[in-house]
PDB file of N, CA and C in Angstrom:
ATOM      1  N   MET A   1       1.076  -1.567  -0.083  1.00  0.00           N
ATOM      2  CA  MET A   1      -0.103   0.266  -0.233  1.00  0.00           C
ATOM      3  C   MET A   1       0.725   1.215  -0.177  1.00  0.00           C
ATOM      4  N   PRO A   2       0.753   2.084  -0.987  1.00  0.00           N
ATOM      5  CA  PRO A   2       1.614   3.296  -0.995  1.00  0.00           C
ATOM      6  C   PRO A   2       1.536   4.345   0.124  1.00  0.00           C
ATOM      7  N   GLU A   3       2.058   5.115   0.451  1.00  0.00           N
ATOM      8  CA  GLU A   3       1.830   6.103   1.441  1.00  0.00           C
ATOM      9  C   GLU A   3       1.987   7.064   0.808  1.00  0.00           C
ATOM     10  N   LEU A   4       0.618   8.325   0.776  1.00  0.00           N
ATOM     11  CA  LEU A   4       0.730   9.702  -0.030  1.00  0.00           C
ATOM     12  C   LEU A   4       0.895  10.560   1.034  1.00  0.00           C
ATOM     13  N   ARG A   5       1.352  11.847   0.887  1.00  0.00           N
ATOM     14  CA  ARG A   5       1.556  13.004   1.445  1.00  0.00           C
ATOM     15  C   ARG A   5       1.164  13.934   0.184  1.00  0.00           C
ATOM     16  N   VAL A   6       0.945  14.964   1.044  1.00  0.00           N
ATOM     17  CA  VAL A   6       0.620  16.454   0.408  1.00  0.00           C
ATOM     18  C   VAL A   6       1.675  17.471   0.881  1.00  0.00           C
ATOM     19  N   HIS A   7       2.158  18.162   0.080  1.00  0.00           N
ATOM     20  CA  HIS A   7       3.060  18.781   0.333  1.00  0.00           C
ATOM     21  C   HIS A   7       3.107  20.468  -0.806  1.00  0.00           C
ATOM     22  N   GLU A   8       2.372  21.792   0.120  1.00  0.00           N
ATOM     23  CA  GLU A   8       2.452  22.652  -1.232  1.00  0.00           C
ATOM     24  C   GLU A   8       1.404  22.683  -2.352  1.00  0.00           C
ATOM     25  N   GLY A   9       0.309  21.734  -2.058  1.00  0.00           N
ATOM     26  CA  GLY A   9      -0.811  21.547  -3.134  1.00  0.00           C
ATOM     27  C   GLY A   9      -0.537  20.411  -3.947  1.00  0.00           C
ATOM     28  N   ARG A  10       0.843  19.739  -3.587  1.00  0.00           N
ATOM     29  CA  ARG A  10       1.104  18.887  -4.517  1.00  0.00           C
ATOM     30  C   ARG A  10       1.225  17.370  -3.925  1.00  0.00           C
ATOM     31  N   HIS A  11       1.143  16.212  -4.445  1.00  0.00           N
ATOM     32  CA  HIS A  11       0.512  15.039  -3.957  1.00  0.00           C
ATOM     33  C   HIS A  11       1.706  14.180  -4.259  1.00  0.00           C
ATOM     34  N   TYR A  12       2.562  13.490  -3.428  1.00  0.00           N
ATOM     35  CA  TYR A  12       3.536  12.677  -3.354  1.00  0.00           C
ATOM     36  C   TYR A  12       3.437  11.520  -2.845  1.00  0.00           C
ATOM     37  N   ALA A  13       3.959   9.953  -3.670  1.00  0.00           N
ATOM     38  CA  ALA A  13       3.710   8.671  -2.845  1.00  0.00           C
ATOM     39  C   ALA A  13       5.079   8.058  -2.555  1.00  0.00           C
ATOM     40  N   VAL A  14       5.017   7.470  -1.776  1.00  0.00           N
ATOM     41  CA  VAL A  14       5.951   6.363  -1.478  1.00  0.00           C
ATOM     42  C   VAL A  14       5.471   5.044  -1.737  1.00  0.00           C
ATOM     43  N   GLN A  15       5.970   3.844  -2.371  1.00  0.00           N
ATOM     44  CA  GLN A  15       5.806   2.833  -2.238  1.00  0.00           C
ATOM     45  C   GLN A  15       6.740   1.922  -2.536  1.00  0.00           C
ATOM     46  N   TYR A  16       6.612   0.645  -1.970  1.00  0.00           N
ATOM     47  CA  TYR A  16       7.753  -0.525  -1.780  1.00  0.00           C
ATOM     48  C   TYR A  16       7.372  -1.499  -2.977  1.00  0.00           C
ATOM     49  N   HIS A  17       8.434  -2.171  -3.349  1.00  0.00           N
ATOM     50  CA  HIS A  17       8.296  -3.112  -4.159  1.00  0.00           C
ATOM     51  C   HIS A  17       9.709  -4.192  -4.071  1.00  0.00           C
ATOM     52  N   TYR A  18       9.843  -5.636  -4.484  1.00  0.00           N
ATOM     53  CA  TYR A  18      10.770  -6.355  -4.519  1.00  0.00           C
ATOM     54  C   TYR A  18      11.277  -6.673  -5.764  1.00  0.00           C
ATOM     55  N   ALA A  19      12.703  -6.506  -6.038  1.00  0.00           N
ATOM     56  CA  ALA A  19      13.102  -7.064  -7.713  1.00  0.00           C
ATOM     57  C   ALA A  19      13.918  -8.116  -7.304  1.00  0.00           C
ATOM     58  N   LEU A  20      13.335  -8.942  -7.720  1.00  0.00           N
ATOM     59  CA  LEU A  20      13.978 -10.131  -7.773  1.00  0.00           C
ATOM     60  C   LEU A  20      14.980 -10.215  -8.615  1.00  0.00           C
ATOM     61  N   PRO A  21      15.620  -9.615  -9.605  1.00  0.00           N
ATOM     62  CA  PRO A  21      16.478  -9.673 -10.626  1.00  0.00           C
ATOM     63  C   PRO A  21      17.817  -9.216  -9.632  1.00  0.00           C
ATOM     64  N   ASP A  22      17.420  -8.410  -9.106  1.00  0.00           N
ATOM     65  CA  ASP A  22      18.668  -7.365  -8.231  1.00  0.00           C
ATOM     66  C   ASP A  22      18.676  -7.821  -6.806  1.00  0.00           C
ATOM     67  N   ASP A  23      17.845  -9.058  -6.374  1.00  0.00           N
ATOM     68  CA  ASP A  23      17.675  -9.373  -5.172  1.00  0.00           C
ATOM     69  C   ASP A  23      17.658  -7.914  -4.176  1.00  0.00           C
ATOM     70  N   ALA A  24      16.909  -7.076  -4.420  1.00  0.00           N
ATOM     71  CA  ALA A  24      16.552  -6.030  -3.551  1.00  0.00           C
ATOM     72  C   ALA A  24      15.436  -5.590  -3.443  1.00  0.00           C
ATOM     73  N   TRP A  25      15.066  -4.805  -2.349  1.00  0.00           N
ATOM     74  CA  TRP A  25      13.985  -3.981  -2.126  1.00  0.00           C
ATOM     75  C   TRP A  25      13.818  -2.617  -2.752  1.00  0.00           C
ATOM     76  N   CYS A  26      13.124  -2.170  -3.163  1.00  0.00           N
ATOM     77  CA  CYS A  26      13.073  -0.822  -4.307  1.00  0.00           C
ATOM     78  C   CYS A  26      11.549   0.198  -3.233  1.00  0.00           C
ATOM     79  N   VAL A  27      12.548   1.330  -2.988  1.00  0.00           N
ATOM     80  CA  VAL A  27      11.526   2.441  -2.414  1.00  0.00           C
ATOM     81  C   VAL A  27      11.251   3.486  -3.399  1.00  0.00           C
ATOM     82  N   GLU A  28      10.205   3.622  -3.787  1.00  0.00           N
ATOM     83  CA  GLU A  28       9.965   4.370  -5.328  1.00  0.00           C
ATOM     84  C   GLU A  28       9.207   5.817  -4.554  1.00  0.00           C
ATOM     85  N   LEU A  29       9.803   6.915  -5.011  1.00  0.00           N
ATOM     86  CA  LEU A  29       8.844   8.058  -5.042  1.00  0.00           C
ATOM     87  C   LEU A  29       8.546   8.663  -6.340  1.00  0.00           C
ATOM     88  N   SER A  30       7.205   9.130  -5.928  1.00  0.00           N
ATOM     89  CA  SER A  30       6.381   9.256  -7.155  1.00  0.00           C
ATOM     90  C   SER A  30       5.701  10.901  -6.915  1.00  0.00           C
ATOM     91  N   GLU A  31       5.670  11.650  -8.160  1.00  0.00           N
ATOM     92  CA  GLU A  31       4.305  12.523  -8.059  1.00  0.00           C
ATOM     93  C   GLU A  31       3.217  11.578  -7.968  1.00  0.00           C
ATOM     94  N   ALA A  32       2.137  11.871  -7.045  1.00  0.00           N
ATOM     95  CA  ALA A  32       0.762  11.039  -7.369  1.00  0.00           C
ATOM     96  C   ALA A  32      -0.037  11.952  -8.044  1.00  0.00           C
ATOM     97  N   VAL A  33      -0.881  10.935  -8.815  1.00  0.00           N
ATOM     98  CA  VAL A  33      -1.870  11.202 -10.083  1.00  0.00           C
ATOM     99  C   VAL A  33      -3.366  11.045  -9.394  1.00  0.00           C
ATOM    100  N   LEU A  34      -4.086  11.622  -9.822  1.00  0.00           N
ATOM    101  CA  LEU A  34      -5.528  11.436  -9.934  1.00  0.00           C
ATOM    102  C   LEU A  34      -5.992   9.986 -10.049  1.00  0.00           C
ATOM    103  N   ALA A  35      -6.684   9.145  -9.017  1.00  0.00           N
ATOM    104  CA  ALA A  35      -6.912   7.920  -9.021  1.00  0.00           C
ATOM    105  C   ALA A  35      -8.040   7.811 -10.071  1.00  0.00           C
ATOM    106  N   PRO A  36      -8.682   6.792 -10.629  1.00  0.00           N
ATOM    107  CA  PRO A  36      -9.762   6.890 -11.823  1.00  0.00           C
ATOM    108  C   PRO A  36     -10.850   7.277 -11.220  1.00  0.00           C
ATOM    109  N   ALA A  37     -11.564   7.789 -12.422  1.00  0.00           N
ATOM    110  CA  ALA A  37     -12.642   8.417 -11.900  1.00  0.00           C
ATOM    111  C   ALA A  37     -13.774   7.364 -11.329  1.00  0.00           C
ATOM    112  N   ALA A  38     -13.524   6.559 -11.718  1.00  0.00           N
ATOM    113  CA  ALA A  38     -14.471   5.072 -11.561  1.00  0.00           C
ATOM    114  C   ALA A  38     -14.639   4.753  -9.682  1.00  0.00           C
ATOM    115  N   TRP A  39     -13.283   4.769  -8.955  1.00  0.00           N
ATOM    116  CA  TRP A  39     -13.079   5.048  -7.751  1.00  0.00           C
ATOM    117  C   TRP A  39     -13.728   6.077  -6.714  1.00  0.00           C
ATOM    118  N   ALA A  40     -14.484   7.269  -7.382  1.00  0.00           N
ATOM    119  CA  ALA A  40     -15.275   8.109  -6.813  1.00  0.00           C
ATOM    120  C   ALA A  40     -16.619   7.459  -6.117  1.00  0.00           C
ATOM    121  N   GLU A  41     -16.951   6.214  -6.358  1.00  0.00           N
ATOM    122  CA  GLU A  41     -17.916   5.500  -5.774  1.00  0.00           C
ATOM    123  C   GLU A  41     -17.747   4.479  -4.910  1.00  0.00           C
ATOM    124  N   ILE A  42     -16.546   4.554  -4.505  1.00  0.00           N
ATOM    125  CA  ILE A  42     -15.896   3.730  -3.602  1.00  0.00           C
ATOM    126  C   ILE A  42     -15.555   4.318  -2.380  1.00  0.00           C
ATOM    127  N   PRO A  43     -16.566   3.694  -1.124  1.00  0.00           N
ATOM    128  CA  PRO A  43     -16.128   4.586   0.134  1.00  0.00           C
ATOM    129  C   PRO A  43     -14.692   4.372   0.428  1.00  0.00           C
ATOM    130  N   ASN A  44     -14.669   5.271   1.107  1.00  0.00           N
ATOM    131  CA  ASN A  44     -13.073   5.504   1.553  1.00  0.00           C
ATOM    132  C   ASN A  44     -11.881   5.120   0.648  1.00  0.00           C
ATOM    133  N   ALA A  45     -12.033   5.268  -0.854  1.00  0.00           N
ATOM    134  CA  ALA A  45     -11.032   4.963  -2.082  1.00  0.00           C
ATOM    135  C   ALA A  45     -10.031   6.157  -1.962  1.00  0.00           C
ATOM    136  N   GLU A  46      -8.922   5.883  -2.098  1.00  0.00           N
ATOM    137  CA  GLU A  46      -7.736   7.177  -2.221  1.00  0.00           C
ATOM    138  C   GLU A  46      -8.131   7.964  -3.079  1.00  0.00           C
ATOM    139  N   THR A  47      -7.875   9.250  -3.595  1.00  0.00           N
ATOM    140  CA  THR A  47      -8.234  10.347  -4.234  1.00  0.00           C
ATOM    141  C   THR A  47      -7.063  10.154  -5.241  1.00  0.00           C
ATOM    142  N   HIS A  48      -5.858   9.792  -4.567  1.00  0.00           N
ATOM    143  CA  HIS A  48      -4.547   9.865  -5.738  1.00  0.00           C
ATOM    144  C   HIS A  48      -3.773   8.586  -5.484  1.00  0.00           C
ATOM    145  N   VAL A  49      -3.092   8.031  -6.644  1.00  0.00           N
ATOM    146  CA  VAL A  49      -2.447   7.087  -6.689  1.00  0.00           C
ATOM    147  C   VAL A  49      -1.088   7.321  -7.097  1.00  0.00           C
ATOM    148  N   PRO A  50       0.207   6.389  -6.962  1.00  0.00           N
ATOM    149  CA  PRO A  50       1.187   6.798  -7.294  1.00  0.00           C
ATOM    150  C   PRO A  50       1.368   7.322  -8.985  1.00  0.00           C
ATOM    151  N   GLY A  51       2.292   7.923  -9.019  1.00  0.00           N
ATOM    152  CA  GLY A  51       2.632   8.199 -10.865  1.00  0.00           C
ATOM    153  C   GLY A  51       3.834   7.419 -10.872  1.00  0.00           C
ATOM    154  N   VAL A  52       4.658   8.183 -12.196  1.00  0.00           N
ATOM    155  CA  VAL A  52       5.761   7.022 -12.474  1.00  0.00           C
ATOM    156  C   VAL A  52       6.634   7.803 -11.447  1.00  0.00           C
ATOM    157  N   ALA A  53       7.880   6.747 -10.995  1.00  0.00           N
ATOM    158  CA  ALA A  53       8.757   6.940 -10.054  1.00  0.00           C
ATOM    159  C   ALA A  53       9.574   8.175 -10.637  1.00  0.00           C
ATOM    160  N   LEU A  54       9.847   9.008  -9.574  1.00  0.00           N
ATOM    161  CA  LEU A  54      11.135   9.925 -10.083  1.00  0.00           C
ATOM    162  C   LEU A  54      12.146   9.592  -9.588  1.00  0.00           C
ATOM    163  N   LEU A  55      12.237   8.702  -8.511  1.00  0.00           N
ATOM    164  CA  LEU A  55      13.598   8.299  -7.531  1.00  0.00           C
ATOM    165  C   LEU A  55      13.219   7.276  -7.046  1.00  0.00           C
ATOM    166  N   VAL A  56      14.348   6.145  -7.202  1.00  0.00           N
ATOM    167  CA  VAL A  56      14.119   4.387  -6.461  1.00  0.00           C
ATOM    168  C   VAL A  56      15.548   4.428  -5.962  1.00  0.00           C
ATOM    169  N   ALA A  57      15.007   4.094  -4.760  1.00  0.00           N
ATOM    170  CA  ALA A  57      16.271   3.516  -3.881  1.00  0.00           C
ATOM    171  C   ALA A  57      16.327   1.944  -4.084  1.00  0.00           C
ATOM    172  N   VAL A  58      17.560   1.357  -4.152  1.00  0.00           N
ATOM    173  CA  VAL A  58      17.795  -0.084  -4.583  1.00  0.00           C
ATOM    174  C   VAL A  58      18.349  -0.342  -2.953  1.00  0.00           C
ATOM    175  N   ILE A  59      17.506  -0.936  -2.520  1.00  0.00           N
ATOM    176  CA  ILE A  59      18.571  -1.856  -1.193  1.00  0.00           C
ATOM    177  C   ILE A  59      18.541  -3.410  -1.215  1.00  0.00           C
ATOM    178  N   PRO A  60      19.941  -3.352  -1.844  1.00  0.00           N
ATOM    179  CA  PRO A  60      20.018  -5.164  -1.328  1.00  0.00           C
ATOM    180  C   PRO A  60      19.799  -5.984  -0.363  1.00  0.00           C
ATOM    181  N   ASP A  61      19.334  -6.946  -0.038  1.00  0.00           N
ATOM    182  CA  ASP A  61      19.039  -7.638   0.838  1.00  0.00           C
ATOM    183  C   ASP A  61      19.702  -8.831   0.952  1.00  0.00           C
ATOM    184  N   GLU A  62      20.582  -9.604   0.228  1.00  0.00           N
ATOM    185  CA  GLU A  62      21.209 -10.931   0.483  1.00  0.00           C
ATOM    186  C   GLU A  62      22.577 -10.500   0.332  1.00  0.00           C
ATOM    187  N   ASP A  63      23.149  -9.501   0.344  1.00  0.00           N
ATOM    188  CA  ASP A  63      24.786  -9.255  -0.038  1.00  0.00           C
ATOM    189  C   ASP A  63      25.005  -8.083   0.338  1.00  0.00           C
ATOM    190  N   PRO A  64      25.545  -7.826   2.093  1.00  0.00           N
ATOM    191  CA  PRO A  64      25.765  -7.052   3.003  1.00  0.00           C
ATOM    192  C   PRO A  64      26.858  -5.830   2.089  1.00  0.00           C
ATOM    193  N   SER A  65      27.419  -6.564   1.488  1.00  0.00           N
ATOM    194  CA  SER A  65      28.379  -5.633   0.834  1.00  0.00           C
ATOM    195  C   SER A  65      28.203  -4.801  -0.210  1.00  0.00           C
ATOM    196  N   LEU A  66      27.100  -4.811  -0.870  1.00  0.00           N
ATOM    197  CA  LEU A  66      26.433  -4.029  -1.778  1.00  0.00           C
ATOM    198  C   LEU A  66      25.727  -3.040  -1.184  1.00  0.00           C
ATOM    199  N   GLU A  67      26.311  -1.667  -1.427  1.00  0.00           N
ATOM    200  CA  GLU A  67      25.234  -0.700  -0.784  1.00  0.00           C
ATOM    201  C   GLU A  67      24.176  -0.105  -1.711  1.00  0.00           C
ATOM    202  N   PRO A  68      23.116   0.377  -0.472  1.00  0.00           N
ATOM    203  CA  PRO A  68      21.889   0.767  -1.493  1.00  0.00           C
ATOM    204  C   PRO A  68      22.433   2.198  -2.201  1.00  0.00           C
ATOM    205  N   THR A  69      21.374   1.964  -3.279  1.00  0.00           N
ATOM    206  CA  THR A  69      22.125   3.214  -4.106  1.00  0.00           C
ATOM    207  C   THR A  69      20.675   4.039  -4.295  1.00  0.00           C
ATOM    208  N   VAL A  70      20.786   5.368  -4.808  1.00  0.00           N
ATOM    209  CA  VAL A  70      19.426   5.668  -5.742  1.00  0.00           C
ATOM    210  C   VAL A  70      19.530   6.340  -6.557  1.00  0.00           C
ATOM    211  N   HIS A  71      18.369   5.736  -7.665  1.00  0.00           N
ATOM    212  CA  HIS A  71      18.344   6.048  -9.012  1.00  0.00           C
ATOM    213  C   HIS A  71      17.853   7.225  -9.537  1.00  0.00           C
ATOM    214  N   ILE A  72      17.783   8.088 -10.144  1.00  0.00           N
ATOM    215  CA  ILE A  72      16.908   9.026 -10.736  1.00  0.00           C
ATOM    216  C   ILE A  72      16.318   8.740 -11.722  1.00  0.00           C
ATOM    217  N   HIS A  73      14.457   8.314 -11.842  1.00  0.00           N
ATOM    218  CA  HIS A  73      13.911   8.303 -13.396  1.00  0.00           C
ATOM    219  C   HIS A  73      13.421   9.680 -13.575  1.00  0.00           C
ATOM    220  N   SER A  74      13.968  10.145 -14.710  1.00  0.00           N
ATOM    221  CA  SER A  74      13.034  11.429 -15.237  1.00  0.00           C
ATOM    222  C   SER A  74      13.910  11.846 -16.318  1.00  0.00           C
ATOM    223  N   HIS A  75      13.163  12.059 -17.285  1.00  0.00           N
ATOM    224  CA  HIS A  75      13.825  12.841 -18.610  1.00  0.00           C
ATOM    225  C   HIS A  75      13.739  14.456 -18.776  1.00  0.00           C
ATOM    226  N   ASP A  76      12.750  14.830 -17.811  1.00  0.00           N
ATOM    227  CA  ASP A  76      12.373  16.448 -17.523  1.00  0.00           C
ATOM    228  C   ASP A  76      13.185  16.593 -16.425  1.00  0.00           C
ATOM    229  N   GLU A  77      13.385  18.164 -16.089  1.00  0.00           N
ATOM    230  CA  GLU A  77      13.672  18.305 -14.781  1.00  0.00           C
ATOM    231  C   GLU A  77      12.378  18.501 -14.005  1.00  0.00           C
ATOM    232  N   HIS A  78      12.522  17.762 -12.421  1.00  0.00           N
ATOM    233  CA  HIS A  78      11.448  17.781 -11.698  1.00  0.00           C
ATOM    234  C   HIS A  78      12.137  18.684 -10.221  1.00  0.00           C
ATOM    235  N   VAL A  79      11.212  19.296  -9.662  1.00  0.00           N
ATOM    236  CA  VAL A  79      12.052  20.002  -8.537  1.00  0.00           C
ATOM    237  C   VAL A  79      11.165  19.346  -7.236  1.00  0.00           C
ATOM    238  N   ILE A  80      12.045  18.525  -6.365  1.00  0.00           N
ATOM    239  CA  ILE A  80      11.371  17.907  -5.389  1.00  0.00           C
ATOM    240  C   ILE A  80      11.546  18.840  -3.867  1.00  0.00           C
ATOM    241  N   PRO A  81      10.747  19.241  -3.101  1.00  0.00           N
ATOM    242  CA  PRO A  81      10.901  19.943  -2.304  1.00  0.00           C
ATOM    243  C   PRO A  81      12.056  19.271  -1.322  1.00  0.00           C
ATOM    244  N   TYR A  82      12.612  20.010  -0.293  1.00  0.00           N
ATOM    245  CA  TYR A  82      13.345  19.197   0.971  1.00  0.00           C
ATOM    246  C   TYR A  82      12.525  18.330   1.815  1.00  0.00           C
ATOM    247  N   GLU A  83      11.342  18.714   2.208  1.00  0.00           N
ATOM    248  CA  GLU A  83      10.792  17.933   3.155  1.00  0.00           C
ATOM    249  C   GLU A  83      10.357  16.989   2.579  1.00  0.00           C
ATOM    250  N   ILE A  84       9.715  16.577   1.227  1.00  0.00           N
ATOM    251  CA  ILE A  84       9.282  15.389   0.469  1.00  0.00           C
ATOM    252  C   ILE A  84      10.804  14.553   0.406  1.00  0.00           C
ATOM    253  N   MET A  85      12.066  15.197   0.044  1.00  0.00           N
ATOM    254  CA  MET A  85      13.337  14.293  -0.102  1.00  0.00           C
ATOM    255  C   MET A  85      13.738  13.972   1.152  1.00  0.00           C
ATOM    256  N   ARG A  86      13.299  14.606   2.457  1.00  0.00           N
ATOM    257  CA  ARG A  86      13.356  13.858   3.598  1.00  0.00           C
ATOM    258  C   ARG A  86      12.646  12.754   4.036  1.00  0.00           C
ATOM    259  N   TRP A  87      11.421  13.069   3.754  1.00  0.00           N
ATOM    260  CA  TRP A  87      10.690  11.775   4.132  1.00  0.00           C
ATOM    261  C   TRP A  87      10.612  10.753   3.402  1.00  0.00           C
ATOM    262  N   PHE A  88      11.164  10.841   2.003  1.00  0.00           N
ATOM    263  CA  PHE A  88      11.319   9.432   1.171  1.00  0.00           C
ATOM    264  C   PHE A  88      12.372   8.997   1.997  1.00  0.00           C
ATOM    265  N   MET A  89      13.952   9.843   2.248  1.00  0.00           N
ATOM    266  CA  MET A  89      14.957   9.320   2.562  1.00  0.00           C
ATOM    267  C   MET A  89      15.020   8.527   3.729  1.00  0.00           C
ATOM    268  N   GLU A  90      13.937   8.659   4.760  1.00  0.00           N
ATOM    269  CA  GLU A  90      13.172   8.637   5.838  1.00  0.00           C
ATOM    270  C   GLU A  90      12.971   7.050   5.863  1.00  0.00           C
ATOM    271  N   HIS A  91      11.978   6.758   4.650  1.00  0.00           N
ATOM    272  CA  HIS A  91      11.665   5.615   4.442  1.00  0.00           C
ATOM    273  C   HIS A  91      12.726   4.596   3.997  1.00  0.00           C
ATOM    274  N   VAL A  92      13.989   5.391   3.098  1.00  0.00           N
ATOM    275  CA  VAL A  92      14.585   4.548   2.693  1.00  0.00           C
ATOM    276  C   VAL A  92      15.660   4.067   3.908  1.00  0.00           C
ATOM    277  N   GLY A  93      16.238   5.006   4.866  1.00  0.00           N
ATOM    278  CA  GLY A  93      17.040   4.743   5.794  1.00  0.00           C
ATOM    279  C   GLY A  93      16.373   3.630   6.675  1.00  0.00           C
ATOM    280  N   GLU A  94      15.026   3.491   6.982  1.00  0.00           N
ATOM    281  CA  GLU A  94      14.247   2.243   7.552  1.00  0.00           C
ATOM    282  C   GLU A  94      14.283   1.368   6.846  1.00  0.00           C
ATOM    283  N   GLN A  95      14.230   1.145   5.755  1.00  0.00           N
ATOM    284  CA  GLN A  95      14.231  -0.026   4.788  1.00  0.00           C
ATOM    285  C   GLN A  95      15.949  -0.622   4.954  1.00  0.00           C
ATOM    286  N   VAL A  96      16.531   0.282   4.996  1.00  0.00           N
ATOM    287  CA  VAL A  96      18.050  -0.236   4.626  1.00  0.00           C
ATOM    288  C   VAL A  96      18.237  -0.857   5.816  1.00  0.00           C
ATOM    289  N   GLU A  97      17.835  -0.430   7.366  1.00  0.00           N
ATOM    290  CA  GLU A  97      17.615  -0.968   8.949  1.00  0.00           C
ATOM    291  C   GLU A  97      17.362  -2.049   8.624  1.00  0.00           C
ATOM    292  N   ARG A  98      16.220  -2.479   8.138  1.00  0.00           N
ATOM    293  CA  ARG A  98      15.154  -3.578   8.334  1.00  0.00           C
ATOM    294  C   ARG A  98      15.946  -4.560   7.358  1.00  0.00           C
ATOM    295  N   CYS A  99      16.900  -4.521   6.391  1.00  0.00           N
ATOM    296  CA  CYS A  99      17.478  -5.279   5.495  1.00  0.00           C
ATOM    297  C   CYS A  99      18.639  -5.810   6.420  1.00  0.00           C
ATOM    298  N   ARG A 100      19.273  -4.845   6.971  1.00  0.00           N
ATOM    299  CA  ARG A 100      20.663  -4.950   7.673  1.00  0.00           C
ATOM    300  C   ARG A 100      20.443  -6.251   8.840  1.00  0.00           C
ATOM    301  N   ILE A 101      19.200  -5.778   9.651  1.00  0.00           N
ATOM    302  CA  ILE A 101      18.927  -6.528  10.809  1.00  0.00           C
ATOM    303  C   ILE A 101      18.892  -7.984  10.340  1.00  0.00           C
ATOM    304  N   ALA A 102      17.676  -7.889   9.473  1.00  0.00           N
ATOM    305  CA  ALA A 102      17.467  -9.865   8.622  1.00  0.00           C
ATOM    306  C   ALA A 102      18.370 -10.387   8.348  1.00  0.00           C
ATOM    307  N   PHE A 103      19.444  -9.486   7.811  1.00  0.00           N
ATOM    308  CA  PHE A 103      20.473 -10.008   7.180  1.00  0.00           C
ATOM    309  C   PHE A 103      21.693 -10.398   8.487  1.00  0.00           C
ATOM    310  N   GLY A 104      21.676  -9.263   9.336  1.00  0.00           N
ATOM    311  CA  GLY A 104      22.596 -10.114  10.746  1.00  0.00           C
ATOM    312  C   GLY A 104      22.025 -11.203  11.474  1.00  0.00           C
ATOM    313  N   GLN A 105      20.624 -11.234  10.997  1.00  0.00           N
ATOM    314  CA  GLN A 105      20.175 -12.991  11.715  1.00  0.00           C
ATOM    315  C   GLN A 105      20.377 -13.802  11.093  1.00  0.00           C
ATOM    316  N   GLY A 106      21.150 -13.884   9.675  1.00  0.00           N
ATOM    317  CA  GLY A 106      21.116 -14.763   8.930  1.00  0.00           C
ATOM    318  C   GLY A 106      20.248 -15.270   8.100  1.00  0.00           C
ATOM    319  N   ALA A 107      19.098 -14.849   7.938  1.00  0.00           N
ATOM    320  CA  ALA A 107      18.364 -14.825   7.173  1.00  0.00           C
ATOM    321  C   ALA A 107      17.374 -13.757   6.090  1.00  0.00           C
ATOM    322  N   PRO A 108      18.171 -13.548   4.976  1.00  0.00           N
ATOM    323  CA  PRO A 108      17.506 -12.522   4.173  1.00  0.00           C
ATOM    324  C   PRO A 108      16.276 -12.772   3.965  1.00  0.00           C
ATOM    325  N   GLU A 109      15.611 -13.907   3.967  1.00  0.00           N
ATOM    326  CA  GLU A 109      13.766 -13.675   3.492  1.00  0.00           C
ATOM    327  C   GLU A 109      13.213 -12.918   4.989  1.00  0.00           C
ATOM    328  N   ALA A 110      13.739 -12.747   6.060  1.00  0.00           N
ATOM    329  CA  ALA A 110      13.441 -12.226   7.186  1.00  0.00           C
ATOM    330  C   ALA A 110      13.124 -10.571   6.666  1.00  0.00           C
ATOM    331  N   ALA A 111      13.966  -9.991   5.794  1.00  0.00           N
ATOM    332  CA  ALA A 111      13.497  -8.701   5.506  1.00  0.00           C
ATOM    333  C   ALA A 111      12.487  -8.384   4.861  1.00  0.00           C
ATOM    334  N   GLU A 112      12.294  -9.516   3.820  1.00  0.00           N
ATOM    335  CA  GLU A 112      11.158  -9.592   2.945  1.00  0.00           C
ATOM    336  C   GLU A 112       9.689  -9.403   3.878  1.00  0.00           C
ATOM    337  N   ARG A 113       9.850 -10.500   5.008  1.00  0.00           N
ATOM    338  CA  ARG A 113       8.936 -10.702   5.902  1.00  0.00           C
ATOM    339  C   ARG A 113       8.489  -9.243   6.655  1.00  0.00           C
ATOM    340  N   SER A 114       9.826  -8.531   7.171  1.00  0.00           N
ATOM    341  CA  SER A 114       9.162  -7.244   7.821  1.00  0.00           C
ATOM    342  C   SER A 114       8.457  -5.966   7.120  1.00  0.00           C
ATOM    343  N   ARG A 115       8.587  -6.278   5.605  1.00  0.00           N
ATOM    344  CA  ARG A 115       7.476  -5.664   4.725  1.00  0.00           C
ATOM    345  C   ARG A 115       6.406  -6.188   4.222  1.00  0.00           C
ATOM    346  N   GLY A 116       6.151  -7.554   4.739  1.00  0.00           N
ATOM    347  CA  GLY A 116       4.723  -8.155   4.255  1.00  0.00           C
ATOM    348  C   GLY A 116       3.819  -7.142   4.375  1.00  0.00           C
ATOM    349  N   ASP A 117       3.674  -6.194   5.445  1.00  0.00           N
ATOM    350  CA  ASP A 117       2.737  -5.537   5.349  1.00  0.00           C
ATOM    351  C   ASP A 117       2.309  -4.205   4.204  1.00  0.00           C
ATOM    352  N   LEU A 118       3.235  -4.187   3.721  1.00  0.00           N
ATOM    353  CA  LEU A 118       3.439  -3.472   2.314  1.00  0.00           C
ATOM    354  C   LEU A 118       3.702  -3.984   0.906  1.00  0.00           C
ATOM    355  N   VAL A 119       3.699  -5.272   1.014  1.00  0.00           N
ATOM    356  CA  VAL A 119       3.859  -6.141  -0.102  1.00  0.00           C
ATOM    357  C   VAL A 119       2.483  -6.323  -0.684  1.00  0.00           C
TER     358      VAL A 119
END
């Protein structure tokens, strides 16, 4: 489930997914877009959904020697407010910590279970 946030009238989303080819968790930041009009009739439906990723943090969870990285996914110039960047990096930092704890326990799968509420 993505986490949404409004900053100065613009909507942003952070969401997680696991990239099997990379053996890594990905934390994505996007500018949220309007939800489909059909959702308007659904009680408590979100009004916005994640858009195209602007930033993707890749956090390896099977090899502790690999460092997390942040990839910029944009052909156009985008301005990301400082508070939104901090919010995104807090999510990234928390996921890095979960993966390191799970790896330290000798079970990379534990990192996946720790994100089970978001998968």
